[in-house]
Amino acid sequence: MKFKELGQPEHPVVILLHGGGLSWWSVEGAARLLTDEYRVVMPIIDGHGEDGGMDFLSIRDSAEKLIRFIDRACGGRVFALCGLSLGGQIAAEALAERRDIADFAVLESVLVQPGHDRGGTVPEPLIRLSYGLIRFRFFAKLQAKALSLPDELFEPYFRDTQELTLNSLIHILKSNGDFHLPISLKDTGARVLILVGSGESAEMKLSAGLLKKAIPGSRLIISKGMRHGELSIAHCGEYVRLLRQWFSEPPDEEGGSST
């Protein structure tokens, strides 16, 4: 796991974790809007982009690497830990592993499986087929559209897909589909904001509800018309507005939901 940073080193630390198949450039827009008040750290998850040479192994492995970085470079605690999709799963795992790792957390479009249910893992033959297709621009353009990437982010996306190994892709998709709600997440000391788009799948909206129910005092916001990842990637100004609002609001014991 590699790390990019923006902002002044003495400012409170906000970590922005990108989604699967993306990299730090997908959160750069939001990061630049936060640098007036925060030191923003943008991890590059194993198997992605500039860290493509290090195969992605699991969500837990990535969470452990993130925790080690926070211990080494941030004094063991950060102001806010935020993540989209796979990045949100890694953030949730870190929150479950270390209850006092962050004051605030934002989990966007995070897929979780309840209890011991088996996830909807993509069959490996289909993963192998898609791995061959991602080398082609026409297929990458379809994927970029599904990921709500603005046109200006297509080239870095296409470039980074060429660095992704088959082994990483298999582990990313299996880890994402099989991620279970960590039992100890309920004990986190962070104030957690959960984000999901109204245009996302029923499974994703169900996951958001499960997270809301599992984390005392958390709040769920359903962003009208937004698809998977669209809020933070394509509407980073609105995403940052919600973050700042959440950071400044007094604690609400009951949490809540809004649209």
Protein backbone atom coordinates (compact mmCIF):
# COMPACT_ATOMS: atom_id res chain seq x y z
CA MET A 1 0.00 0.00 0.00
CA LYS A 2 1.38 3.37 -1.07
CA PHE A 3 0.29 6.81 0.10
CA LYS A 4 -0.14 10.21 -1.57
CA GLU A 5 -0.63 13.35 0.53
CA LEU A 6 -1.96 16.88 0.10
CA GLY A 7 -2.22 19.72 2.61
CA GLN A 8 -0.19 20.89 5.56
CA PRO A 9 1.42 18.22 7.78
CA GLU A 10 0.28 19.92 10.99
CA HIS A 11 -3.42 19.80 10.06
CA PRO A 12 -5.85 17.07 11.24
CA VAL A 13 -5.61 13.96 9.04
CA VAL A 14 -8.41 12.87 6.70
CA ILE A 15 -7.88 9.58 4.86
CA LEU A 16 -9.72 9.02 1.55
CA LEU A 17 -9.70 5.41 0.31
CA HIS A 18 -10.55 4.84 -3.35
CA GLY A 19 -12.82 2.13 -4.73
CA GLY A 20 -11.88 -1.12 -6.44
CA GLY A 21 -10.34 -0.72 -9.89
CA LEU A 22 -9.58 2.95 -9.25
CA SER A 23 -6.68 4.76 -7.57
CA TRP A 24 -5.77 7.94 -5.71
CA TRP A 25 -6.69 10.14 -8.69
CA SER A 26 -10.38 9.27 -8.20
CA VAL A 27 -10.38 11.00 -4.78
CA GLU A 28 -8.02 13.85 -5.70
CA GLY A 29 -10.89 16.24 -6.48
CA ALA A 30 -12.36 15.82 -3.00
CA ALA A 31 -8.90 15.92 -1.44
CA ARG A 32 -8.05 19.30 -2.96
CA LEU A 33 -11.28 20.77 -1.59
CA LEU A 34 -10.28 19.68 1.92
CA THR A 35 -6.68 20.89 2.01
CA ASP A 36 -7.54 24.29 3.49
CA GLU A 37 -8.23 22.59 6.83
CA TYR A 38 -6.87 19.06 6.60
CA ARG A 39 -3.85 16.97 5.76
CA VAL A 40 -5.38 14.56 3.26
CA VAL A 41 -3.89 11.10 2.79
CA MET A 42 -4.86 9.09 -0.30
CA PRO A 43 -3.77 5.45 0.01
CA ILE A 44 -3.21 3.40 -3.13
CA ILE A 45 -4.65 -0.02 -2.35
CA ASP A 46 -2.45 -3.00 -3.25
CA GLY A 47 -2.96 -4.20 -6.81
CA HIS A 48 -4.03 -0.77 -8.08
CA GLY A 49 -2.24 1.80 -10.23
CA GLU A 50 1.20 2.68 -8.91
CA ASP A 51 0.97 -0.23 -6.46
CA GLY A 52 -0.02 -2.69 -9.19
CA GLY A 53 3.16 -4.69 -8.60
CA MET A 54 1.94 -5.72 -5.14
CA ASP A 55 -0.98 -8.14 -5.50
CA PHE A 56 -4.12 -7.42 -3.52
CA LEU A 57 -4.63 -10.22 -1.00
CA SER A 58 -7.62 -9.39 1.19
CA ILE A 59 -9.57 -6.62 2.89
CA ARG A 60 -8.11 -7.58 6.27
CA ASP A 61 -4.55 -7.47 4.92
CA SER A 62 -5.19 -4.00 3.49
CA ALA A 63 -6.78 -2.81 6.75
CA GLU A 64 -3.74 -4.01 8.71
CA LYS A 65 -1.43 -2.09 6.37
CA LEU A 66 -3.58 1.01 6.78
CA ILE A 67 -3.48 0.70 10.58
CA ARG A 68 0.30 0.34 10.51
CA PHE A 69 0.55 3.53 8.44
CA ILE A 70 -1.70 5.40 10.88
CA ASP A 71 0.44 4.20 13.78
CA ARG A 72 3.66 5.16 12.01
CA ALA A 73 2.72 8.45 10.36
CA CYS A 74 -0.36 9.78 12.18
CA GLY A 75 0.21 9.06 15.86
CA GLY A 76 -2.15 6.09 15.91
CA ARG A 77 -5.33 8.07 15.26
CA VAL A 78 -6.81 10.22 12.49
CA PHE A 79 -9.53 12.84 12.36
CA ALA A 80 -11.55 11.06 9.66
CA LEU A 81 -11.39 7.76 7.81
CA CYS A 82 -13.41 7.71 4.58
CA GLY A 83 -13.78 5.07 1.89
CA LEU A 84 -15.75 4.18 -1.22
CA SER A 85 -16.82 0.61 -2.01
CA LEU A 86 -13.72 -1.61 -1.55
CA GLY A 87 -12.03 1.33 0.20
CA GLY A 88 -15.05 1.63 2.48
CA GLN A 89 -14.83 -2.07 3.33
CA ILE A 90 -11.17 -1.59 4.26
CA ALA A 91 -12.14 1.43 6.38
CA ALA A 92 -14.89 -0.57 8.11
CA GLU A 93 -12.45 -3.39 8.85
CA ALA A 94 -9.96 -0.91 10.34
CA LEU A 95 -12.71 0.65 12.49
CA ALA A 96 -13.64 -2.82 13.74
CA GLU A 97 -10.02 -3.76 14.46
CA ARG A 98 -9.20 -0.52 16.31
CA ARG A 99 -12.17 1.24 17.94
CA ASP A 100 -10.29 4.50 18.58
CA ILE A 101 -8.57 4.84 15.20
CA ALA A 102 -10.69 7.80 14.01
CA ASP A 103 -12.94 10.55 15.34
CA PHE A 104 -15.17 10.36 12.26
CA ALA A 105 -15.76 7.86 9.46
CA VAL A 106 -17.60 8.03 6.15
CA LEU A 107 -18.58 4.76 4.45
CA GLU A 108 -19.87 5.23 0.89
CA SER A 109 -21.50 2.46 -1.16
CA VAL A 110 -20.13 -0.31 1.06
CA LEU A 111 -21.34 -3.85 0.36
CA VAL A 112 -21.70 -6.07 3.43
CA GLN A 113 -23.07 -9.57 3.91
CA PRO A 114 -25.14 -10.22 7.06
CA GLY A 115 -24.08 -12.91 9.54
CA HIS A 116 -22.51 -15.90 7.83
CA ASP A 117 -24.37 -15.53 4.55
CA ARG A 118 -22.32 -16.32 1.50
CA GLY A 119 -21.79 -13.35 -0.75
CA GLY A 120 -22.57 -13.11 -4.42
CA THR A 121 -18.99 -13.78 -5.50
CA VAL A 122 -18.32 -13.50 -9.22
CA PRO A 123 -17.40 -16.95 -10.65
CA GLU A 124 -13.68 -17.20 -11.41
CA PRO A 125 -14.14 -18.12 -15.12
CA LEU A 126 -16.12 -14.88 -15.56
CA ILE A 127 -13.37 -12.92 -13.79
CA ARG A 128 -10.80 -14.40 -16.17
CA LEU A 129 -12.93 -13.40 -19.15
CA SER A 130 -13.37 -9.84 -17.91
CA TYR A 131 -9.64 -9.61 -17.21
CA GLY A 132 -8.97 -10.20 -20.89
CA LEU A 133 -11.53 -7.59 -21.89
CA ILE A 134 -10.24 -4.77 -19.67
CA ARG A 135 -7.19 -4.50 -21.93
CA PHE A 136 -9.46 -3.08 -24.65
CA ARG A 137 -10.46 0.59 -24.68
CA PHE A 138 -14.06 -0.09 -25.71
CA PHE A 139 -14.62 -2.34 -22.68
CA ALA A 140 -12.74 0.04 -20.38
CA LYS A 141 -15.05 2.86 -21.51
CA LEU A 142 -18.09 0.76 -20.54
CA GLN A 143 -16.55 0.05 -17.15
CA ALA A 144 -15.65 3.71 -16.64
CA LYS A 145 -19.26 4.68 -17.30
CA ALA A 146 -20.48 2.09 -14.78
CA LEU A 147 -18.05 3.58 -12.25
CA SER A 148 -19.40 7.11 -12.90
CA LEU A 149 -15.97 8.37 -13.95
CA PRO A 150 -15.87 11.84 -15.55
CA ASP A 151 -14.31 11.92 -19.03
CA GLU A 152 -11.11 13.51 -17.74
CA LEU A 153 -10.45 10.48 -15.52
CA PHE A 154 -10.73 7.88 -18.27
CA GLU A 155 -7.08 7.98 -19.35
CA PRO A 156 -5.64 7.42 -15.85
CA TYR A 157 -8.27 4.71 -15.34
CA PHE A 158 -7.38 2.94 -18.60
CA ARG A 159 -3.65 3.28 -17.89
CA ASP A 160 -4.02 1.76 -14.43
CA THR A 161 -6.15 -1.16 -15.63
CA GLN A 162 -3.12 -2.30 -17.60
CA GLU A 163 -1.20 -2.69 -14.31
CA LEU A 164 -3.85 -4.86 -12.66
CA THR A 165 -2.87 -8.53 -12.39
CA LEU A 166 -5.33 -11.39 -12.75
CA ASN A 167 -4.50 -12.55 -9.23
CA SER A 168 -5.35 -9.12 -7.82
CA LEU A 169 -8.62 -8.93 -9.76
CA ILE A 170 -9.71 -12.35 -8.48
CA HIS A 171 -8.94 -11.43 -4.87
CA ILE A 172 -10.54 -7.98 -5.17
CA LEU A 173 -13.83 -9.28 -6.53
CA LYS A 174 -14.01 -12.24 -4.16
CA SER A 175 -13.14 -10.10 -1.12
CA ASN A 176 -15.66 -7.45 -2.11
CA GLY A 177 -18.50 -9.94 -2.64
CA ASP A 178 -17.79 -11.95 0.51
CA PHE A 179 -17.24 -9.10 2.97
CA HIS A 180 -19.20 -9.73 6.15
CA LEU A 181 -20.35 -7.11 8.61
CA PRO A 182 -17.61 -7.09 11.29
CA ILE A 183 -19.18 -7.86 14.67
CA SER A 184 -16.92 -5.44 16.54
CA LEU A 185 -17.83 -2.54 14.23
CA LYS A 186 -20.63 -1.78 16.69
CA ASP A 187 -17.97 -0.78 19.24
CA THR A 188 -16.24 1.86 17.13
CA GLY A 189 -15.64 5.18 18.83
CA ALA A 190 -15.92 7.03 15.51
CA ARG A 191 -19.04 8.92 14.49
CA VAL A 192 -20.01 7.16 11.27
CA LEU A 193 -21.78 8.63 8.24
CA ILE A 194 -23.13 6.08 5.74
CA LEU A 195 -23.74 7.16 2.14
CA VAL A 196 -25.55 5.32 -0.64
CA GLY A 197 -27.14 6.46 -3.90
CA SER A 198 -30.83 6.00 -4.62
CA GLY A 199 -29.80 4.71 -8.06
CA GLU A 200 -27.71 1.87 -6.62
CA SER A 201 -28.69 -1.79 -6.47
CA ALA A 202 -31.15 -3.12 -3.90
CA GLU A 203 -28.29 -5.14 -2.38
CA MET A 204 -26.20 -2.01 -1.87
CA LYS A 205 -29.09 -0.13 -0.26
CA LEU A 206 -29.76 -3.14 1.99
CA SER A 207 -26.09 -3.08 3.01
CA ALA A 208 -26.34 0.60 3.93
CA GLY A 209 -29.30 -0.22 6.15
CA LEU A 210 -27.39 -3.06 7.81
CA LEU A 211 -24.48 -0.72 8.56
CA LYS A 212 -26.85 1.90 9.97
CA LYS A 213 -28.47 -0.69 12.25
CA ALA A 214 -25.13 -2.13 13.38
CA ILE A 215 -23.37 1.13 14.30
CA PRO A 216 -24.90 3.09 17.21
CA GLY A 217 -25.32 6.80 16.52
CA SER A 218 -24.53 6.47 12.82
CA ARG A 219 -26.42 8.37 10.15
CA LEU A 220 -27.53 7.17 6.72
CA ILE A 221 -27.90 9.57 3.81
CA ILE A 222 -29.43 8.35 0.55
CA SER A 223 -28.28 10.62 -2.27
CA LYS A 224 -31.10 11.14 -4.74
CA GLY A 225 -30.40 9.87 -8.25
CA MET A 226 -26.80 8.88 -7.53
CA ARG A 227 -25.35 5.62 -8.83
CA HIS A 228 -22.52 3.58 -7.33
CA GLY A 229 -19.63 5.87 -6.40
CA GLU A 230 -21.08 8.82 -8.28
CA LEU A 231 -21.28 11.17 -5.30
CA SER A 232 -17.62 11.32 -4.32
CA ILE A 233 -16.18 10.82 -7.81
CA ALA A 234 -18.40 12.94 -10.06
CA HIS A 235 -19.87 15.33 -7.47
CA CYS A 236 -16.95 15.81 -5.13
CA GLY A 237 -18.11 19.30 -4.11
CA GLU A 238 -21.37 17.90 -2.72
CA TYR A 239 -19.49 15.02 -1.13
CA VAL A 240 -17.12 17.40 0.67
CA ARG A 241 -20.08 19.55 1.78
CA LEU A 242 -21.63 16.50 3.45
CA LEU A 243 -18.31 15.64 5.09
CA ARG A 244 -17.83 19.14 6.52
CA GLN A 245 -21.42 19.16 7.74
CA TRP A 246 -20.94 15.80 9.46
CA PHE A 247 -17.68 16.89 11.06
CA SER A 248 -19.32 20.01 12.53
CA GLU A 249 -22.62 18.56 13.78
CA PRO A 250 -23.07 17.69 17.47
CA PRO A 251 -23.37 13.97 18.29
CA ASP A 252 -26.81 12.44 17.78
CA GLU A 253 -27.33 9.38 19.95
CA GLU A 254 -30.11 8.04 17.78
CA GLY A 255 -28.45 8.78 14.46
CA GLY A 256 -30.95 9.08 11.64
CA SER A 257 -31.61 8.74 7.95
CA SER A 258 -32.20 11.31 5.25
CA THR A 259 -32.46 11.60 1.50
